[in-house]
Amino acid sequence: MNSLKFEDTGVYYCNAERVYLGGSAEYDV
């Protein structure tokens, strides 16, 4: 993130879509 502005303030959440494990899948983490 460069040239940050006041309006960039907030809580940032990481998200992962369609995570496949050995025996299961997580679609939204």
PDB file of all heavy atoms in Angstrom:
ATOM      1  N   MET A   1       0.844  -1.183   0.000  1.00  0.00           N
ATOM      2  CA  MET A   1       0.000   0.000   0.000  1.00  0.00           C
ATOM      3  C   MET A   1       0.882   1.237   0.000  1.00  0.00           C
ATOM      4  O   MET A   1       1.652   1.458   0.937  1.00  0.00           O
ATOM      5  CB  MET A   1      -0.929   0.010   1.214  1.00  0.00           C
ATOM      6  CG  MET A   1      -1.809  -1.235   1.319  1.00  0.00           C
ATOM      7  SD  MET A   1      -2.965  -1.172   2.714  1.00  0.00           S
ATOM      8  CE  MET A   1      -1.813  -1.293   4.084  1.00  0.00           C
ATOM      9  N   ASN A   2       0.766   2.025  -1.042  1.00  0.00           N
ATOM     10  CA  ASN A   2       1.530   3.254  -1.179  1.00  0.00           C
ATOM     11  C   ASN A   2       0.587   4.453  -1.239  1.00  0.00           C
ATOM     12  O   ASN A   2      -0.604   4.315  -1.505  1.00  0.00           O
ATOM     13  CB  ASN A   2       2.392   3.212  -2.441  1.00  0.00           C
ATOM     14  CG  ASN A   2       3.416   2.100  -2.426  1.00  0.00           C
ATOM     15  OD1 ASN A   2       3.962   1.752  -1.389  1.00  0.00           O
ATOM     16  ND2 ASN A   2       3.693   1.534  -3.604  1.00  0.00           N
ATOM     17  N   SER A   3       1.151   5.619  -1.012  1.00  0.00           N
ATOM     18  CA  SER A   3       0.384   6.866  -1.066  1.00  0.00           C
ATOM     19  C   SER A   3      -0.897   6.762  -0.254  1.00  0.00           C
ATOM     20  O   SER A   3      -1.989   7.096  -0.722  1.00  0.00           O
ATOM     21  CB  SER A   3       0.075   7.234  -2.522  1.00  0.00           C
ATOM     22  OG  SER A   3       1.260   7.372  -3.280  1.00  0.00           O
ATOM     23  N   LEU A   4      -0.766   6.316   0.968  1.00  0.00           N
ATOM     24  CA  LEU A   4      -1.931   6.070   1.809  1.00  0.00           C
ATOM     25  C   LEU A   4      -2.675   7.358   2.139  1.00  0.00           C
ATOM     26  O   LEU A   4      -2.071   8.416   2.320  1.00  0.00           O
ATOM     27  CB  LEU A   4      -1.511   5.363   3.089  1.00  0.00           C
ATOM     28  CG  LEU A   4      -1.192   3.873   2.907  1.00  0.00           C
ATOM     29  CD1 LEU A   4      -0.382   3.344   4.071  1.00  0.00           C
ATOM     30  CD2 LEU A   4      -2.487   3.078   2.753  1.00  0.00           C
ATOM     31  N   LYS A   5      -3.989   7.237   2.216  1.00  0.00           N
ATOM     32  CA  LYS A   5      -4.878   8.349   2.502  1.00  0.00           C
ATOM     33  C   LYS A   5      -5.663   8.079   3.777  1.00  0.00           C
ATOM     34  O   LYS A   5      -5.756   6.942   4.237  1.00  0.00           O
ATOM     35  CB  LYS A   5      -5.850   8.565   1.338  1.00  0.00           C
ATOM     36  CG  LYS A   5      -5.196   8.755  -0.018  1.00  0.00           C
ATOM     37  CD  LYS A   5      -6.252   8.837  -1.116  1.00  0.00           C
ATOM     38  CE  LYS A   5      -5.622   9.023  -2.476  1.00  0.00           C
ATOM     39  NZ  LYS A   5      -6.651   9.082  -3.550  1.00  0.00           N
ATOM     40  N   PHE A   6      -6.260   9.137   4.337  1.00  0.00           N
ATOM     41  CA  PHE A   6      -7.084   8.985   5.527  1.00  0.00           C
ATOM     42  C   PHE A   6      -8.180   7.945   5.313  1.00  0.00           C
ATOM     43  O   PHE A   6      -8.483   7.152   6.218  1.00  0.00           O
ATOM     44  CB  PHE A   6      -7.715  10.322   5.920  1.00  0.00           C
ATOM     45  CG  PHE A   6      -6.736  11.345   6.409  1.00  0.00           C
ATOM     46  CD1 PHE A   6      -6.583  12.538   5.728  1.00  0.00           C
ATOM     47  CD2 PHE A   6      -5.984  11.125   7.550  1.00  0.00           C
ATOM     48  CE1 PHE A   6      -5.692  13.495   6.178  1.00  0.00           C
ATOM     49  CE2 PHE A   6      -5.083  12.074   8.006  1.00  0.00           C
ATOM     50  CZ  PHE A   6      -4.934  13.263   7.321  1.00  0.00           C
ATOM     51  N   GLU A   7      -8.785   7.952   4.141  1.00  0.00           N
ATOM     52  CA  GLU A   7      -9.890   7.061   3.868  1.00  0.00           C
ATOM     53  C   GLU A   7      -9.483   5.600   3.718  1.00  0.00           C
ATOM     54  O   GLU A   7     -10.344   4.724   3.592  1.00  0.00           O
ATOM     55  CB  GLU A   7     -10.661   7.518   2.616  1.00  0.00           C
ATOM     56  CG  GLU A   7      -9.775   7.779   1.411  1.00  0.00           C
ATOM     57  CD  GLU A   7      -9.390   9.240   1.265  1.00  0.00           C
ATOM     58  OE1 GLU A   7      -9.074   9.881   2.280  1.00  0.00           O
ATOM     59  OE2 GLU A   7      -9.420   9.746   0.120  1.00  0.00           O
ATOM     60  N   ASP A   8      -8.191   5.321   3.716  1.00  0.00           N
ATOM     61  CA  ASP A   8      -7.727   3.940   3.705  1.00  0.00           C
ATOM     62  C   ASP A   8      -7.793   3.304   5.093  1.00  0.00           C
ATOM     63  O   ASP A   8      -7.583   2.097   5.222  1.00  0.00           O
ATOM     64  CB  ASP A   8      -6.296   3.856   3.181  1.00  0.00           C
ATOM     65  CG  ASP A   8      -6.189   4.231   1.712  1.00  0.00           C
ATOM     66  OD1 ASP A   8      -7.069   3.831   0.926  1.00  0.00           O
ATOM     67  OD2 ASP A   8      -5.214   4.925   1.351  1.00  0.00           O
ATOM     68  N   THR A   9      -8.059   4.095   6.100  1.00  0.00           N
ATOM     69  CA  THR A   9      -8.143   3.594   7.465  1.00  0.00           C
ATOM     70  C   THR A   9      -9.253   2.556   7.607  1.00  0.00           C
ATOM     71  O   THR A   9     -10.353   2.729   7.080  1.00  0.00           O
ATOM     72  CB  THR A   9      -8.389   4.747   8.443  1.00  0.00           C
ATOM     73  OG1 THR A   9      -7.252   5.614   8.451  1.00  0.00           O
ATOM     74  CG2 THR A   9      -8.614   4.232   9.857  1.00  0.00           C
ATOM     75  N   GLY A  10      -8.961   1.494   8.315  1.00  0.00           N
ATOM     76  CA  GLY A  10      -9.961   0.470   8.555  1.00  0.00           C
ATOM     77  C   GLY A  10      -9.325  -0.822   9.010  1.00  0.00           C
ATOM     78  O   GLY A  10      -8.107  -0.924   9.166  1.00  0.00           O
ATOM     79  N   VAL A  11     -10.161  -1.804   9.238  1.00  0.00           N
ATOM     80  CA  VAL A  11      -9.691  -3.142   9.572  1.00  0.00           C
ATOM     81  C   VAL A  11      -9.594  -3.935   8.282  1.00  0.00           C
ATOM     82  O   VAL A  11     -10.579  -4.065   7.550  1.00  0.00           O
ATOM     83  CB  VAL A  11     -10.627  -3.846  10.567  1.00  0.00           C
ATOM     84  CG1 VAL A  11     -10.105  -5.246  10.882  1.00  0.00           C
ATOM     85  CG2 VAL A  11     -10.763  -3.027  11.843  1.00  0.00           C
ATOM     86  N   TYR A  12      -8.429  -4.453   8.022  1.00  0.00           N
ATOM     87  CA  TYR A  12      -8.182  -5.208   6.803  1.00  0.00           C
ATOM     88  C   TYR A  12      -8.222  -6.697   7.103  1.00  0.00           C
ATOM     89  O   TYR A  12      -7.513  -7.185   7.982  1.00  0.00           O
ATOM     90  CB  TYR A  12      -6.833  -4.830   6.204  1.00  0.00           C
ATOM     91  CG  TYR A  12      -6.834  -3.488   5.504  1.00  0.00           C
ATOM     92  CD1 TYR A  12      -7.021  -2.313   6.217  1.00  0.00           C
ATOM     93  CD2 TYR A  12      -6.658  -3.412   4.128  1.00  0.00           C
ATOM     94  CE1 TYR A  12      -7.042  -1.084   5.581  1.00  0.00           C
ATOM     95  CE2 TYR A  12      -6.668  -2.183   3.480  1.00  0.00           C
ATOM     96  CZ  TYR A  12      -6.863  -1.024   4.220  1.00  0.00           C
ATOM     97  OH  TYR A  12      -6.873   0.193   3.576  1.00  0.00           O
ATOM     98  N   TYR A  13      -9.064  -7.406   6.370  1.00  0.00           N
ATOM     99  CA  TYR A  13      -9.252  -8.833   6.568  1.00  0.00           C
ATOM    100  C   TYR A  13      -8.715  -9.617   5.381  1.00  0.00           C
ATOM    101  O   TYR A  13      -9.074  -9.339   4.234  1.00  0.00           O
ATOM    102  CB  TYR A  13     -10.738  -9.171   6.735  1.00  0.00           C
ATOM    103  CG  TYR A  13     -11.377  -8.591   7.977  1.00  0.00           C
ATOM    104  CD1 TYR A  13     -11.996  -7.351   7.945  1.00  0.00           C
ATOM    105  CD2 TYR A  13     -11.357  -9.295   9.176  1.00  0.00           C
ATOM    106  CE1 TYR A  13     -12.582  -6.818   9.077  1.00  0.00           C
ATOM    107  CE2 TYR A  13     -11.945  -8.765  10.312  1.00  0.00           C
ATOM    108  CZ  TYR A  13     -12.555  -7.530  10.255  1.00  0.00           C
ATOM    109  OH  TYR A  13     -13.140  -7.010  11.382  1.00  0.00           O
ATOM    110  N   CYS A  14      -7.882 -10.579   5.674  1.00  0.00           N
ATOM    111  CA  CYS A  14      -7.410 -11.482   4.642  1.00  0.00           C
ATOM    112  C   CYS A  14      -8.504 -12.494   4.318  1.00  0.00           C
ATOM    113  O   CYS A  14      -9.234 -12.947   5.205  1.00  0.00           O
ATOM    114  CB  CYS A  14      -6.142 -12.199   5.108  1.00  0.00           C
ATOM    115  SG  CYS A  14      -5.429 -13.313   3.876  1.00  0.00           S
ATOM    116  N   ASN A  15      -8.608 -12.831   3.059  1.00  0.00           N
ATOM    117  CA  ASN A  15      -9.615 -13.781   2.602  1.00  0.00           C
ATOM    118  C   ASN A  15      -8.992 -14.790   1.650  1.00  0.00           C
ATOM    119  O   ASN A  15      -8.150 -14.438   0.825  1.00  0.00           O
ATOM    120  CB  ASN A  15     -10.761 -13.039   1.904  1.00  0.00           C
ATOM    121  CG  ASN A  15     -11.748 -13.977   1.240  1.00  0.00           C
ATOM    122  OD1 ASN A  15     -11.676 -14.225   0.031  1.00  0.00           O
ATOM    123  ND2 ASN A  15     -12.673 -14.510   2.022  1.00  0.00           N
ATOM    124  N   ALA A  16      -9.418 -16.021   1.782  1.00  0.00           N
ATOM    125  CA  ALA A  16      -8.991 -17.080   0.872  1.00  0.00           C
ATOM    126  C   ALA A  16     -10.213 -17.794   0.335  1.00  0.00           C
ATOM    127  O   ALA A  16     -11.131 -18.119   1.084  1.00  0.00           O
ATOM    128  CB  ALA A  16      -8.062 -18.065   1.574  1.00  0.00           C
ATOM    129  N   GLU A  17     -10.218 -18.036  -0.958  1.00  0.00           N
ATOM    130  CA  GLU A  17     -11.332 -18.687  -1.620  1.00  0.00           C
ATOM    131  C   GLU A  17     -10.928 -20.074  -2.101  1.00  0.00           C
ATOM    132  O   GLU A  17      -9.852 -20.247  -2.666  1.00  0.00           O
ATOM    133  CB  GLU A  17     -11.805 -17.871  -2.824  1.00  0.00           C
ATOM    134  CG  GLU A  17     -12.268 -16.469  -2.494  1.00  0.00           C
ATOM    135  CD  GLU A  17     -12.640 -15.690  -3.734  1.00  0.00           C
ATOM    136  OE1 GLU A  17     -12.977 -16.327  -4.763  1.00  0.00           O
ATOM    137  OE2 GLU A  17     -12.600 -14.448  -3.692  1.00  0.00           O
ATOM    138  N   ARG A  18     -11.823 -21.029  -1.874  1.00  0.00           N
ATOM    139  CA  ARG A  18     -11.666 -22.386  -2.398  1.00  0.00           C
ATOM    140  C   ARG A  18     -10.323 -22.975  -2.022  1.00  0.00           C
ATOM    141  O   ARG A  18      -9.439 -23.175  -2.855  1.00  0.00           O
ATOM    142  CB  ARG A  18     -11.878 -22.381  -3.911  1.00  0.00           C
ATOM    143  CG  ARG A  18     -13.308 -22.071  -4.310  1.00  0.00           C
ATOM    144  CD  ARG A  18     -13.419 -21.568  -5.742  1.00  0.00           C
ATOM    145  NE  ARG A  18     -12.860 -22.491  -6.706  1.00  0.00           N
ATOM    146  CZ  ARG A  18     -12.777 -22.252  -8.005  1.00  0.00           C
ATOM    147  NH1 ARG A  18     -13.225 -21.099  -8.493  1.00  0.00           N
ATOM    148  NH2 ARG A  18     -12.245 -23.146  -8.814  1.00  0.00           N
ATOM    149  N   VAL A  19     -10.189 -23.246  -0.739  1.00  0.00           N
ATOM    150  CA  VAL A  19      -8.979 -23.857  -0.207  1.00  0.00           C
ATOM    151  C   VAL A  19      -9.207 -25.359  -0.112  1.00  0.00           C
ATOM    152  O   VAL A  19     -10.091 -25.814   0.612  1.00  0.00           O
ATOM    153  CB  VAL A  19      -8.621 -23.281   1.168  1.00  0.00           C
ATOM    154  CG1 VAL A  19      -7.270 -23.827   1.621  1.00  0.00           C
ATOM    155  CG2 VAL A  19      -8.595 -21.762   1.121  1.00  0.00           C
ATOM    156  N   TYR A  20      -8.398 -26.126  -0.809  1.00  0.00           N
ATOM    157  CA  TYR A  20      -8.561 -27.576  -0.847  1.00  0.00           C
ATOM    158  C   TYR A  20      -7.486 -28.263  -0.024  1.00  0.00           C
ATOM    159  O   TYR A  20      -6.287 -28.071  -0.248  1.00  0.00           O
ATOM    160  CB  TYR A  20      -8.517 -28.082  -2.288  1.00  0.00           C
ATOM    161  CG  TYR A  20      -9.701 -27.640  -3.104  1.00  0.00           C
ATOM    162  CD1 TYR A  20      -9.656 -26.458  -3.829  1.00  0.00           C
ATOM    163  CD2 TYR A  20     -10.866 -28.397  -3.129  1.00  0.00           C
ATOM    164  CE1 TYR A  20     -10.743 -26.038  -4.565  1.00  0.00           C
ATOM    165  CE2 TYR A  20     -11.960 -27.980  -3.872  1.00  0.00           C
ATOM    166  CZ  TYR A  20     -11.892 -26.800  -4.584  1.00  0.00           C
ATOM    167  OH  TYR A  20     -12.973 -26.383  -5.321  1.00  0.00           O
ATOM    168  N   LEU A  21      -7.948 -29.068   0.926  1.00  0.00           N
ATOM    169  CA  LEU A  21      -7.084 -29.878   1.759  1.00  0.00           C
ATOM    170  C   LEU A  21      -7.153 -31.332   1.289  1.00  0.00           C
ATOM    171  O   LEU A  21      -7.765 -31.642   0.276  1.00  0.00           O
ATOM    172  CB  LEU A  21      -7.496 -29.757   3.224  1.00  0.00           C
ATOM    173  CG  LEU A  21      -7.521 -28.341   3.800  1.00  0.00           C
ATOM    174  CD1 LEU A  21      -8.067 -28.373   5.217  1.00  0.00           C
ATOM    175  CD2 LEU A  21      -6.133 -27.719   3.767  1.00  0.00           C
ATOM    176  N   GLY A  22      -6.526 -32.213   2.048  1.00  0.00           N
ATOM    177  CA  GLY A  22      -6.503 -33.616   1.658  1.00  0.00           C
ATOM    178  C   GLY A  22      -7.881 -34.246   1.587  1.00  0.00           C
ATOM    179  O   GLY A  22      -8.191 -34.990   0.652  1.00  0.00           O
ATOM    180  N   GLY A  23      -8.720 -33.961   2.570  1.00  0.00           N
ATOM    181  CA  GLY A  23     -10.022 -34.596   2.617  1.00  0.00           C
ATOM    182  C   GLY A  23     -11.205 -33.653   2.703  1.00  0.00           C
ATOM    183  O   GLY A  23     -12.330 -34.099   2.956  1.00  0.00           O
ATOM    184  N   SER A  24     -10.984 -32.383   2.509  1.00  0.00           N
ATOM    185  CA  SER A  24     -12.062 -31.415   2.609  1.00  0.00           C
ATOM    186  C   SER A  24     -11.707 -30.153   1.846  1.00  0.00           C
ATOM    187  O   SER A  24     -10.599 -30.016   1.337  1.00  0.00           O
ATOM    188  CB  SER A  24     -12.347 -31.085   4.079  1.00  0.00           C
ATOM    189  OG  SER A  24     -11.225 -30.463   4.679  1.00  0.00           O
ATOM    190  N   ALA A  25     -12.662 -29.249   1.790  1.00  0.00           N
ATOM    191  CA  ALA A  25     -12.459 -27.965   1.134  1.00  0.00           C
ATOM    192  C   ALA A  25     -13.125 -26.865   1.944  1.00  0.00           C
ATOM    193  O   ALA A  25     -14.193 -27.055   2.522  1.00  0.00           O
ATOM    194  CB  ALA A  25     -13.015 -27.987  -0.287  1.00  0.00           C
ATOM    195  N   GLU A  26     -12.474 -25.740   1.998  1.00  0.00           N
ATOM    196  CA  GLU A  26     -13.028 -24.555   2.619  1.00  0.00           C
ATOM    197  C   GLU A  26     -13.244 -23.516   1.523  1.00  0.00           C
ATOM    198  O   GLU A  26     -12.298 -23.132   0.829  1.00  0.00           O
ATOM    199  CB  GLU A  26     -12.097 -24.001   3.690  1.00  0.00           C
ATOM    200  CG  GLU A  26     -11.818 -24.964   4.836  1.00  0.00           C
ATOM    201  CD  GLU A  26     -13.017 -25.177   5.725  1.00  0.00           C
ATOM    202  OE1 GLU A  26     -13.897 -24.303   5.745  1.00  0.00           O
ATOM    203  OE2 GLU A  26     -13.082 -26.225   6.395  1.00  0.00           O
ATOM    204  N   TYR A  27     -14.482 -23.072   1.373  1.00  0.00           N
ATOM    205  CA  TYR A  27     -14.811 -22.224   0.236  1.00  0.00           C
ATOM    206  C   TYR A  27     -14.576 -20.744   0.492  1.00  0.00           C
ATOM    207  O   TYR A  27     -14.388 -19.985  -0.470  1.00  0.00           O
ATOM    208  CB  TYR A  27     -16.256 -22.471  -0.176  1.00  0.00           C
ATOM    209  CG  TYR A  27     -16.485 -23.885  -0.649  1.00  0.00           C
ATOM    210  CD1 TYR A  27     -17.054 -24.843   0.183  1.00  0.00           C
ATOM    211  CD2 TYR A  27     -16.109 -24.267  -1.932  1.00  0.00           C
ATOM    212  CE1 TYR A  27     -17.245 -26.141  -0.257  1.00  0.00           C
ATOM    213  CE2 TYR A  27     -16.298 -25.563  -2.372  1.00  0.00           C
ATOM    214  CZ  TYR A  27     -16.868 -26.497  -1.529  1.00  0.00           C
ATOM    215  OH  TYR A  27     -17.058 -27.790  -1.967  1.00  0.00           O
ATOM    216  N   ASP A  28     -14.577 -20.349   1.735  1.00  0.00           N
ATOM    217  CA  ASP A  28     -14.396 -18.947   2.064  1.00  0.00           C
ATOM    218  C   ASP A  28     -13.840 -18.839   3.481  1.00  0.00           C
ATOM    219  O   ASP A  28     -14.545 -19.121   4.445  1.00  0.00           O
ATOM    220  CB  ASP A  28     -15.721 -18.196   1.952  1.00  0.00           C
ATOM    221  CG  ASP A  28     -15.539 -16.703   1.806  1.00  0.00           C
ATOM    222  OD1 ASP A  28     -14.427 -16.256   1.470  1.00  0.00           O
ATOM    223  OD2 ASP A  28     -16.529 -15.971   2.020  1.00  0.00           O
ATOM    224  N   VAL A  29     -12.588 -18.448   3.592  1.00  0.00           N
ATOM    225  CA  VAL A  29     -11.892 -18.394   4.871  1.00  0.00           C
ATOM    226  C   VAL A  29     -11.454 -16.965   5.142  1.00  0.00           C
ATOM    227  O   VAL A  29     -10.985 -16.270   4.238  1.00  0.00           O
ATOM    228  CB  VAL A  29     -10.674 -19.335   4.885  1.00  0.00           C
ATOM    229  CG1 VAL A  29     -10.012 -19.337   6.262  1.00  0.00           C
ATOM    230  CG2 VAL A  29     -11.088 -20.752   4.499  1.00  0.00           C
TER     231      VAL A  29
END
